[in-house]
Amino acid sequence: MQTHAPDQLVSSSVSSPNPESSGPPLRALAMVLISLAILFAAIGALSLTGTGSDEVAAPAATTQTSQAPAASAAPTTTAAPKTSVDPADVELQVLNNSSVSGLAAETAATLTAEGWTVTGTGNYAEMQVPATTVYYGSAAGAQVAAQQIAQQLGATTATRPATLSAFGDGVIVMVTQ
């Protein structure tokens, strides 16, 4: 057996690197980076899928006209419509103008059960409406349809304001409660 001087043993143990000391910090860093990648991938996937109501709100925009609300529209809300309209002939959008989640979808389901064809639902926060209002555009039968829908919902009617021009010329139900 060979014996080594004590100073040789000390120098050989100091000069050799310890691979285990650098391992855990590298593994921890890799785990953090992988966790961040998964988190960002999930956020990206959620932002791509959205809520669904925003995607529907854009087609709903094609159903409203650019007319300003008329003062004569308020008295027609309480009056019974003089003629009726086939609900299938009317483009109808339901927009939520409240903080109640799912209100537009709930109202759309009610209107669908009553025979109306709802072409889209969504949220609308660009102007505040004080009460549920059924806006109508210049499409044929839109005013009569709005009156019928308002009577069913206990709402008021008005011509579509210019702020809703992006929603087309059909009927828009703006729900607030």
C-alpha atoms as a PDB file:
ATOM      1  CA  MET A   1       0.000   0.000   0.000  1.00  0.00           C
ATOM      2  CA  GLN A   2       1.144   3.416  -0.823  1.00  0.00           C
ATOM      3  CA  THR A   3       0.770   6.241   1.548  1.00  0.00           C
ATOM      4  CA  HIS A   4       0.313   9.795   0.443  1.00  0.00           C
ATOM      5  CA  ALA A   5       1.257  12.896   2.208  1.00  0.00           C
ATOM      6  CA  PRO A   6      -1.685  14.691   3.840  1.00  0.00           C
ATOM      7  CA  ASP A   7      -1.153  17.802   1.747  1.00  0.00           C
ATOM      8  CA  GLN A   8      -1.490  15.733  -1.427  1.00  0.00           C
ATOM      9  CA  LEU A   9      -4.886  14.450  -0.308  1.00  0.00           C
ATOM     10  CA  VAL A  10      -6.140  17.917   0.480  1.00  0.00           C
ATOM     11  CA  SER A  11      -5.047  19.349  -2.838  1.00  0.00           C
ATOM     12  CA  SER A  12      -6.569  16.483  -4.830  1.00  0.00           C
ATOM     13  CA  SER A  13      -9.939  16.761  -3.029  1.00  0.00           C
ATOM     14  CA  VAL A  14     -10.078  20.578  -3.491  1.00  0.00           C
ATOM     15  CA  SER A  15      -9.162  20.491  -7.166  1.00  0.00           C
ATOM     16  CA  SER A  16     -11.779  17.896  -8.121  1.00  0.00           C
ATOM     17  CA  PRO A  17     -15.174  19.463  -8.786  1.00  0.00           C
ATOM     18  CA  ASN A  18     -18.225  18.113  -7.000  1.00  0.00           C
ATOM     19  CA  PRO A  19     -20.842  17.486  -9.735  1.00  0.00           C
ATOM     20  CA  GLU A  20     -23.694  17.023  -7.228  1.00  0.00           C
ATOM     21  CA  SER A  21     -23.475  20.591  -5.907  1.00  0.00           C
ATOM     22  CA  SER A  22     -24.413  22.154  -9.263  1.00  0.00           C
ATOM     23  CA  GLY A  23     -27.129  19.569 -10.108  1.00  0.00           C
ATOM     24  CA  PRO A  24     -30.077  20.638  -7.935  1.00  0.00           C
ATOM     25  CA  PRO A  25     -29.972  24.349  -8.871  1.00  0.00           C
ATOM     26  CA  LEU A  26     -29.965  23.429 -12.571  1.00  0.00           C
ATOM     27  CA  ARG A  27     -32.855  21.020 -12.081  1.00  0.00           C
ATOM     28  CA  ALA A  28     -34.796  23.650 -10.127  1.00  0.00           C
ATOM     29  CA  LEU A  29     -34.195  26.218 -12.864  1.00  0.00           C
ATOM     30  CA  ALA A  30     -35.370  23.745 -15.511  1.00  0.00           C
ATOM     31  CA  MET A  31     -38.514  22.994 -13.500  1.00  0.00           C
ATOM     32  CA  VAL A  32     -39.287  26.696 -13.145  1.00  0.00           C
ATOM     33  CA  LEU A  33     -38.813  27.278 -16.869  1.00  0.00           C
ATOM     34  CA  ILE A  34     -41.020  24.307 -17.765  1.00  0.00           C
ATOM     35  CA  SER A  35     -43.704  25.532 -15.352  1.00  0.00           C
ATOM     36  CA  LEU A  36     -43.616  28.979 -16.918  1.00  0.00           C
ATOM     37  CA  ALA A  37     -43.850  27.506 -20.409  1.00  0.00           C
ATOM     38  CA  ILE A  38     -46.917  25.480 -19.398  1.00  0.00           C
ATOM     39  CA  LEU A  39     -48.499  28.546 -17.758  1.00  0.00           C
ATOM     40  CA  PHE A  40     -47.950  30.723 -20.829  1.00  0.00           C
ATOM     41  CA  ALA A  41     -49.242  27.979 -23.127  1.00  0.00           C
ATOM     42  CA  ALA A  42     -52.428  27.737 -21.039  1.00  0.00           C
ATOM     43  CA  ILE A  43     -52.921  31.520 -21.070  1.00  0.00           C
ATOM     44  CA  GLY A  44     -52.372  31.578 -24.828  1.00  0.00           C
ATOM     45  CA  ALA A  45     -54.874  28.788 -25.377  1.00  0.00           C
ATOM     46  CA  LEU A  46     -57.480  30.564 -23.244  1.00  0.00           C
ATOM     47  CA  SER A  47     -56.992  33.847 -25.073  1.00  0.00           C
ATOM     48  CA  LEU A  48     -57.406  32.111 -28.429  1.00  0.00           C
ATOM     49  CA  THR A  49     -60.606  30.348 -27.434  1.00  0.00           C
ATOM     50  CA  GLY A  50     -62.124  33.395 -25.712  1.00  0.00           C
ATOM     51  CA  THR A  51     -65.543  33.309 -24.117  1.00  0.00           C
ATOM     52  CA  GLY A  52     -67.488  32.604 -27.246  1.00  0.00           C
ATOM     53  CA  SER A  53     -69.830  35.516 -26.652  1.00  0.00           C
ATOM     54  CA  ASP A  54     -67.348  37.980 -28.123  1.00  0.00           C
ATOM     55  CA  GLU A  55     -67.185  35.984 -31.325  1.00  0.00           C
ATOM     56  CA  VAL A  56     -70.965  35.940 -31.546  1.00  0.00           C
ATOM     57  CA  ALA A  57     -71.228  39.636 -30.744  1.00  0.00           C
ATOM     58  CA  ALA A  58     -69.534  40.581 -34.016  1.00  0.00           C
ATOM     59  CA  PRO A  59     -72.198  38.894 -36.171  1.00  0.00           C
ATOM     60  CA  ALA A  60     -74.772  40.475 -33.874  1.00  0.00           C
ATOM     61  CA  ALA A  61     -73.413  43.811 -34.951  1.00  0.00           C
ATOM     62  CA  THR A  62     -74.818  43.249 -38.406  1.00  0.00           C
ATOM     63  CA  THR A  63     -78.377  43.173 -37.076  1.00  0.00           C
ATOM     64  CA  GLN A  64     -78.632  46.775 -35.890  1.00  0.00           C
ATOM     65  CA  THR A  65     -79.108  50.011 -37.840  1.00  0.00           C
ATOM     66  CA  SER A  66     -77.548  53.421 -37.500  1.00  0.00           C
ATOM     67  CA  GLN A  67     -80.694  55.437 -36.800  1.00  0.00           C
ATOM     68  CA  ALA A  68     -80.864  57.630 -33.747  1.00  0.00           C
ATOM     69  CA  PRO A  69     -83.453  56.804 -31.085  1.00  0.00           C
ATOM     70  CA  ALA A  70     -86.766  58.474 -31.799  1.00  0.00           C
ATOM     71  CA  ALA A  71     -88.952  60.080 -29.168  1.00  0.00           C
ATOM     72  CA  SER A  72     -92.038  58.580 -30.815  1.00  0.00           C
ATOM     73  CA  ALA A  73     -90.715  55.066 -30.209  1.00  0.00           C
ATOM     74  CA  ALA A  74     -91.418  55.202 -26.455  1.00  0.00           C
ATOM     75  CA  PRO A  75     -95.223  55.416 -26.810  1.00  0.00           C
ATOM     76  CA  THR A  76     -95.214  52.440 -29.179  1.00  0.00           C
ATOM     77  CA  THR A  77     -93.664  50.238 -26.517  1.00  0.00           C
ATOM     78  CA  THR A  78     -96.878  50.128 -24.507  1.00  0.00           C
ATOM     79  CA  ALA A  79     -99.156  49.939 -27.545  1.00  0.00           C
ATOM     80  CA  ALA A  80    -100.007  46.559 -29.020  1.00  0.00           C
ATOM     81  CA  PRO A  81     -98.486  45.977 -32.436  1.00  0.00           C
ATOM     82  CA  LYS A  82    -100.862  46.634 -35.325  1.00  0.00           C
ATOM     83  CA  THR A  83     -99.526  43.713 -37.361  1.00  0.00           C
ATOM     84  CA  SER A  84     -97.505  40.684 -36.489  1.00  0.00           C
ATOM     85  CA  VAL A  85     -94.224  39.481 -37.895  1.00  0.00           C
ATOM     86  CA  ASP A  86     -93.045  35.941 -38.464  1.00  0.00           C
ATOM     87  CA  PRO A  87     -90.199  35.533 -35.933  1.00  0.00           C
ATOM     88  CA  ALA A  88     -88.168  33.546 -38.478  1.00  0.00           C
ATOM     89  CA  ASP A  89     -88.021  36.607 -40.760  1.00  0.00           C
ATOM     90  CA  VAL A  90     -86.262  38.809 -38.190  1.00  0.00           C
ATOM     91  CA  GLU A  91     -82.549  39.008 -37.435  1.00  0.00           C
ATOM     92  CA  LEU A  92     -82.338  39.157 -33.640  1.00  0.00           C
ATOM     93  CA  GLN A  93     -79.312  39.801 -31.440  1.00  0.00           C
ATOM     94  CA  VAL A  94     -79.286  39.786 -27.628  1.00  0.00           C
ATOM     95  CA  LEU A  95     -76.601  41.860 -25.890  1.00  0.00           C
ATOM     96  CA  ASN A  96     -75.832  41.931 -22.175  1.00  0.00           C
ATOM     97  CA  ASN A  97     -75.492  45.482 -20.827  1.00  0.00           C
ATOM     98  CA  SER A  98     -75.167  44.486 -17.181  1.00  0.00           C
ATOM     99  CA  SER A  99     -72.719  42.853 -14.816  1.00  0.00           C
ATOM    100  CA  VAL A 100     -74.910  39.723 -14.595  1.00  0.00           C
ATOM    101  CA  SER A 101     -73.014  36.914 -16.291  1.00  0.00           C
ATOM    102  CA  GLY A 102     -75.027  34.887 -18.803  1.00  0.00           C
ATOM    103  CA  LEU A 103     -77.987  37.287 -18.950  1.00  0.00           C
ATOM    104  CA  ALA A 104     -77.890  37.567 -22.746  1.00  0.00           C
ATOM    105  CA  ALA A 105     -77.832  33.785 -23.161  1.00  0.00           C
ATOM    106  CA  GLU A 106     -80.717  33.384 -20.704  1.00  0.00           C
ATOM    107  CA  THR A 107     -82.809  35.993 -22.526  1.00  0.00           C
ATOM    108  CA  ALA A 108     -81.917  34.428 -25.877  1.00  0.00           C
ATOM    109  CA  ALA A 109     -83.142  31.050 -24.604  1.00  0.00           C
ATOM    110  CA  THR A 110     -86.427  32.653 -23.509  1.00  0.00           C
ATOM    111  CA  LEU A 111     -86.911  34.297 -26.894  1.00  0.00           C
ATOM    112  CA  THR A 112     -86.004  31.097 -28.737  1.00  0.00           C
ATOM    113  CA  ALA A 113     -88.627  29.225 -26.695  1.00  0.00           C
ATOM    114  CA  GLU A 114     -91.153  31.856 -27.793  1.00  0.00           C
ATOM    115  CA  GLY A 115     -90.365  31.194 -31.467  1.00  0.00           C
ATOM    116  CA  TRP A 116     -87.763  33.867 -32.244  1.00  0.00           C
ATOM    117  CA  THR A 117     -84.528  33.046 -34.040  1.00  0.00           C
ATOM    118  CA  VAL A 118     -81.586  34.538 -32.178  1.00  0.00           C
ATOM    119  CA  THR A 119     -78.596  34.984 -34.483  1.00  0.00           C
ATOM    120  CA  GLY A 120     -76.130  35.896 -31.739  1.00  0.00           C
ATOM    121  CA  THR A 121     -75.481  36.937 -28.171  1.00  0.00           C
ATOM    122  CA  GLY A 122     -72.729  38.931 -26.549  1.00  0.00           C
ATOM    123  CA  ASN A 123     -71.764  41.700 -24.171  1.00  0.00           C
ATOM    124  CA  TYR A 124     -72.053  45.423 -24.834  1.00  0.00           C
ATOM    125  CA  ALA A 125     -70.408  47.949 -22.528  1.00  0.00           C
ATOM    126  CA  GLU A 126     -69.820  50.983 -24.770  1.00  0.00           C
ATOM    127  CA  MET A 127     -72.932  52.781 -23.516  1.00  0.00           C
ATOM    128  CA  GLN A 128     -75.055  52.265 -20.429  1.00  0.00           C
ATOM    129  CA  VAL A 129     -78.746  51.568 -20.986  1.00  0.00           C
ATOM    130  CA  PRO A 130     -80.977  52.317 -17.961  1.00  0.00           C
ATOM    131  CA  ALA A 131     -83.514  49.546 -18.675  1.00  0.00           C
ATOM    132  CA  THR A 132     -83.895  46.586 -21.007  1.00  0.00           C
ATOM    133  CA  THR A 133     -84.576  48.055 -24.437  1.00  0.00           C
ATOM    134  CA  VAL A 134     -85.405  46.492 -27.778  1.00  0.00           C
ATOM    135  CA  TYR A 135     -83.765  48.489 -30.573  1.00  0.00           C
ATOM    136  CA  TYR A 136     -84.975  48.180 -34.152  1.00  0.00           C
ATOM    137  CA  GLY A 137     -83.367  49.162 -37.405  1.00  0.00           C
ATOM    138  CA  SER A 138     -84.647  49.781 -40.898  1.00  0.00           C
ATOM    139  CA  ALA A 139     -85.061  46.121 -41.866  1.00  0.00           C
ATOM    140  CA  ALA A 140     -88.537  45.118 -43.011  1.00  0.00           C
ATOM    141  CA  GLY A 141     -90.697  44.264 -40.014  1.00  0.00           C
ATOM    142  CA  ALA A 142     -88.018  45.214 -37.485  1.00  0.00           C
ATOM    143  CA  GLN A 143     -90.167  47.795 -35.679  1.00  0.00           C
ATOM    144  CA  VAL A 144     -93.165  45.467 -35.390  1.00  0.00           C
ATOM    145  CA  ALA A 145     -90.904  42.627 -34.231  1.00  0.00           C
ATOM    146  CA  ALA A 146     -89.296  44.927 -31.655  1.00  0.00           C
ATOM    147  CA  GLN A 147     -92.738  45.833 -30.328  1.00  0.00           C
ATOM    148  CA  GLN A 148     -93.717  42.178 -30.034  1.00  0.00           C
ATOM    149  CA  ILE A 149     -90.455  41.264 -28.274  1.00  0.00           C
ATOM    150  CA  ALA A 150     -90.715  44.261 -25.932  1.00  0.00           C
ATOM    151  CA  GLN A 151     -94.235  43.214 -24.990  1.00  0.00           C
ATOM    152  CA  GLN A 152     -93.034  39.656 -24.267  1.00  0.00           C
ATOM    153  CA  LEU A 153     -90.111  40.880 -22.137  1.00  0.00           C
ATOM    154  CA  GLY A 154     -91.811  43.864 -20.505  1.00  0.00           C
ATOM    155  CA  ALA A 155     -89.250  46.181 -22.096  1.00  0.00           C
ATOM    156  CA  THR A 156     -89.292  49.419 -24.078  1.00  0.00           C
ATOM    157  CA  THR A 157     -88.523  49.922 -27.761  1.00  0.00           C
ATOM    158  CA  ALA A 158     -86.497  52.555 -29.561  1.00  0.00           C
ATOM    159  CA  THR A 159     -84.921  53.076 -32.944  1.00  0.00           C
ATOM    160  CA  ARG A 160     -81.335  51.963 -33.009  1.00  0.00           C
ATOM    161  CA  PRO A 161     -78.901  54.762 -32.087  1.00  0.00           C
ATOM    162  CA  ALA A 162     -75.872  55.509 -34.239  1.00  0.00           C
ATOM    163  CA  THR A 163     -73.618  53.968 -31.584  1.00  0.00           C
ATOM    164  CA  LEU A 164     -75.038  50.567 -32.508  1.00  0.00           C
ATOM    165  CA  SER A 165     -74.606  50.970 -36.281  1.00  0.00           C
ATOM    166  CA  ALA A 166     -72.055  48.162 -36.400  1.00  0.00           C
ATOM    167  CA  PHE A 167     -74.790  45.664 -35.491  1.00  0.00           C
ATOM    168  CA  GLY A 168     -76.759  45.885 -38.754  1.00  0.00           C
ATOM    169  CA  ASP A 169     -80.380  46.796 -39.302  1.00  0.00           C
ATOM    170  CA  GLY A 170     -82.308  44.041 -37.500  1.00  0.00           C
ATOM    171  CA  VAL A 171     -83.510  43.908 -33.900  1.00  0.00           C
ATOM    172  CA  ILE A 172     -81.248  44.144 -30.870  1.00  0.00           C
ATOM    173  CA  VAL A 173     -82.373  43.309 -27.358  1.00  0.00           C
ATOM    174  CA  MET A 174     -80.166  45.137 -24.853  1.00  0.00           C
ATOM    175  CA  VAL A 175     -80.738  43.426 -21.493  1.00  0.00           C
ATOM    176  CA  THR A 176     -79.889  45.187 -18.260  1.00  0.00           C
ATOM    177  CA  GLN A 177     -81.494  43.122 -15.504  1.00  0.00           C
END
